[in-house]
Amino acid sequence: MRMSIDKAQLAQRLSREAFYVTQEKGTERPFTGEYNDHWEAGDYHCVCCDARLFTQAHKFNAGCGWPSFFEQTDDSNVVFREDNSHGMVRTEIVCKHCDAHLGHVFDDGPAPTGQRYCVNSVSLSFNNPSFNIFSFNELSKLLAYILFFIINFRIFSVDEVLNGFFI
């Protein structure tokens, strides 16, 4: 499903470089990106719309200066477009949901796909599921239950809870 993103809001939310890369088809300098040498387990999402794009299990060191993956996630959130810019014929990769420019894909990657998704770090955000035990809504509910228990079982008074004296 294609979503519409307000470019003015996006320009405020993203860094200048991330906006340039994702919205104007720019490229970050090689070996400067946050995720080029990043090997923590987790998933890489689109910085613009948060669609899940790549997983750490498919990442490899191509030595090219940008994060490289041999496959996208099963969600198939990366689409391909012909790119004839700069006097070359390449395959551009973009987010299926918001059309953000991610980078390019080449046919010189490792098995099993033979592909190298060469991605700009600034077009990605990283999500480590082991640190996201609770969603914001779940955490809010848990906190409400804890406060309910503390107040109703008179562990601390309402005033003590509200004023932070129980800490």
Foldseek 3Di string as FASTA:
>chain_A
DADEDDLVVVPVVADPVLSCCFPVVDADDFQPAPCLPDQDFFFKAFPRPRHTWATSVQWDNPVPRATKGLDTDPVPQWDWDWDCPPNDTFIWIAGNHHRTTFGTKDQCDDPDRSIIDGGHNSRIDTDDVVVPPDDPVRVVVVVVVVVCCCPVVVVDHPVCVVVVVVD
